[in-house]
C-alpha atoms as a PDB file:
ATOM      1  CA  MET A   1      -7.823   7.660  -8.842  1.00  0.00           C
ATOM      2  CA  LEU A   2      -4.988   6.495 -10.994  1.00  0.00           C
ATOM      3  CA  LYS A   3      -5.287   4.855 -14.389  1.00  0.00           C
ATOM      4  CA  ASN A   4      -2.601   2.247 -14.665  1.00  0.00           C
ATOM      5  CA  LYS A   5      -4.298  -0.958 -15.747  1.00  0.00           C
ATOM      6  CA  LYS A   6      -4.218  -2.255 -19.289  1.00  0.00           C
ATOM      7  CA  ASP A   7      -8.001  -2.114 -19.524  1.00  0.00           C
ATOM      8  CA  GLY A   8      -7.992   1.588 -18.577  1.00  0.00           C
ATOM      9  CA  SER A   9      -9.905   1.082 -15.347  1.00  0.00           C
ATOM     10  CA  ALA A  10      -8.990   3.230 -12.373  1.00  0.00           C
ATOM     11  CA  ASP A  11      -7.055   1.853  -9.423  1.00  0.00           C
ATOM     12  CA  ARG A  12      -8.064   3.474  -6.143  1.00  0.00           C
ATOM     13  CA  LEU A  13      -5.290   5.138  -4.149  1.00  0.00           C
ATOM     14  CA  VAL A  14      -5.381   4.170  -0.479  1.00  0.00           C
ATOM     15  CA  PRO A  15      -3.909   6.481   2.203  1.00  0.00           C
ATOM     16  CA  ILE A  16      -1.235   5.102   4.521  1.00  0.00           C
ATOM     17  CA  HIS A  17      -3.498   4.997   7.592  1.00  0.00           C
ATOM     18  CA  GLU A  18      -6.022   2.821   5.747  1.00  0.00           C
ATOM     19  CA  VAL A  19      -3.286   0.428   4.600  1.00  0.00           C
ATOM     20  CA  ALA A  20      -2.062   0.187   8.204  1.00  0.00           C
ATOM     21  CA  LEU A  21      -5.586  -0.610   9.439  1.00  0.00           C
ATOM     22  CA  ARG A  22      -6.065  -3.297   6.805  1.00  0.00           C
ATOM     23  CA  PHE A  23      -2.850  -5.066   7.816  1.00  0.00           C
ATOM     24  CA  GLY A  24      -3.258  -4.430  11.553  1.00  0.00           C
ATOM     25  CA  VAL A  25       0.075  -2.604  11.803  1.00  0.00           C
ATOM     26  CA  SER A  26       1.235   0.955  12.424  1.00  0.00           C
ATOM     27  CA  ALA A  27       1.737   3.595   9.740  1.00  0.00           C
ATOM     28  CA  ASP A  28       5.465   3.464  10.574  1.00  0.00           C
ATOM     29  CA  THR A  29       5.490  -0.222   9.601  1.00  0.00           C
ATOM     30  CA  VAL A  30       3.840   0.606   6.270  1.00  0.00           C
ATOM     31  CA  ARG A  31       6.509   3.300   5.728  1.00  0.00           C
ATOM     32  CA  ARG A  32       9.247   0.722   6.420  1.00  0.00           C
ATOM     33  CA  TRP A  33       7.644  -1.752   4.006  1.00  0.00           C
ATOM     34  CA  SER A  34       7.570   0.989   1.384  1.00  0.00           C
ATOM     35  CA  GLY A  35      11.206   1.851   2.086  1.00  0.00           C
ATOM     36  CA  VAL A  36      12.354  -1.720   1.423  1.00  0.00           C
ATOM     37  CA  GLY A  37      10.111  -2.138  -1.629  1.00  0.00           C
ATOM     38  CA  ARG A  38       7.467  -4.424  -0.149  1.00  0.00           C
ATOM     39  CA  LEU A  39       4.801  -1.856  -1.098  1.00  0.00           C
ATOM     40  CA  HIS A  40       5.165   0.836  -3.762  1.00  0.00           C
ATOM     41  CA  GLU A  41       4.032   4.288  -2.734  1.00  0.00           C
ATOM     42  CA  VAL A  42       2.504   6.965  -4.910  1.00  0.00           C
ATOM     43  CA  ARG A  43       2.912  10.631  -4.084  1.00  0.00           C
ATOM     44  CA  LEU A  44       0.673  13.043  -5.930  1.00  0.00           C
ATOM     45  CA  VAL A  45       3.116  15.905  -5.278  1.00  0.00           C
ATOM     46  CA  PRO A  46       6.808  15.663  -4.364  1.00  0.00           C
ATOM     47  CA  GLY A  47       7.149  15.276  -0.607  1.00  0.00           C
ATOM     48  CA  GLY A  48       3.385  14.866  -0.279  1.00  0.00           C
ATOM     49  CA  ARG A  49       1.313  12.229   1.451  1.00  0.00           C
ATOM     50  CA  ARG A  50       1.887   8.579   0.658  1.00  0.00           C
ATOM     51  CA  TYR A  51      -0.772   6.573  -1.116  1.00  0.00           C
ATOM     52  CA  PHE A  52      -0.775   2.963  -2.230  1.00  0.00           C
ATOM     53  CA  ARG A  53      -2.574   1.262  -5.101  1.00  0.00           C
ATOM     54  CA  GLU A  54      -5.503  -0.718  -3.779  1.00  0.00           C
ATOM     55  CA  SER A  55      -4.850  -3.533  -6.245  1.00  0.00           C
ATOM     56  CA  GLU A  56      -1.343  -4.000  -4.819  1.00  0.00           C
ATOM     57  CA  VAL A  57      -2.578  -3.900  -1.215  1.00  0.00           C
ATOM     58  CA  VAL A  58      -5.277  -6.497  -1.958  1.00  0.00           C
ATOM     59  CA  SER A  59      -2.802  -8.694  -3.830  1.00  0.00           C
ATOM     60  CA  ILE A  60      -0.358  -8.679  -0.925  1.00  0.00           C
ATOM     61  CA  MET A  61      -3.122  -9.343   1.593  1.00  0.00           C
ATOM     62  CA  ARG A  62      -4.133 -12.442  -0.382  1.00  0.00           C
ATOM     63  CA  GLY A  63      -0.557 -13.727  -0.561  1.00  0.00           C
ATOM     64  CA  PRO A  64       1.269 -15.701   2.141  1.00  0.00           C
ATOM     65  CA  ALA A  65       4.092 -13.177   2.751  1.00  0.00           C
ATOM     66  CA  VAL A  66       2.196 -10.658   4.909  1.00  0.00           C
ATOM     67  CA  ARG A  67      -0.351 -11.561   7.540  1.00  0.00           C
ATOM     68  CA  LYS A  68      -2.442  -9.260   9.665  1.00  0.00           C
ATOM     69  CA  GLY A  69      -0.386  -8.264  12.701  1.00  0.00           C
ATOM     70  CA  ALA A  70       2.912  -9.436  11.161  1.00  0.00           C
ATOM     71  CA  ALA A  71       4.718  -6.156  11.785  1.00  0.00           C
ATOM     72  CA  HIS A  72       8.238  -7.555  11.891  1.00  0.00           C
ATOM     73  CA  GLU A  73       8.365  -9.626   8.741  1.00  0.00           C
END
């Protein structure tokens, strides 16, 4: 968990494979999106596994820019 909201509530950290499943894309696509700034990754230790804030993932899924299966956008 990561506290980053103004109200002090915790924002769940989602592993890369779960983000990929939610969007219907590969983990490599999620890595590319992170590399170009479409998603912001969190690493708990330098060089460690990539996690993403659930609130950001949900927000992007609700928006028009990324659709399930849209791997090349």
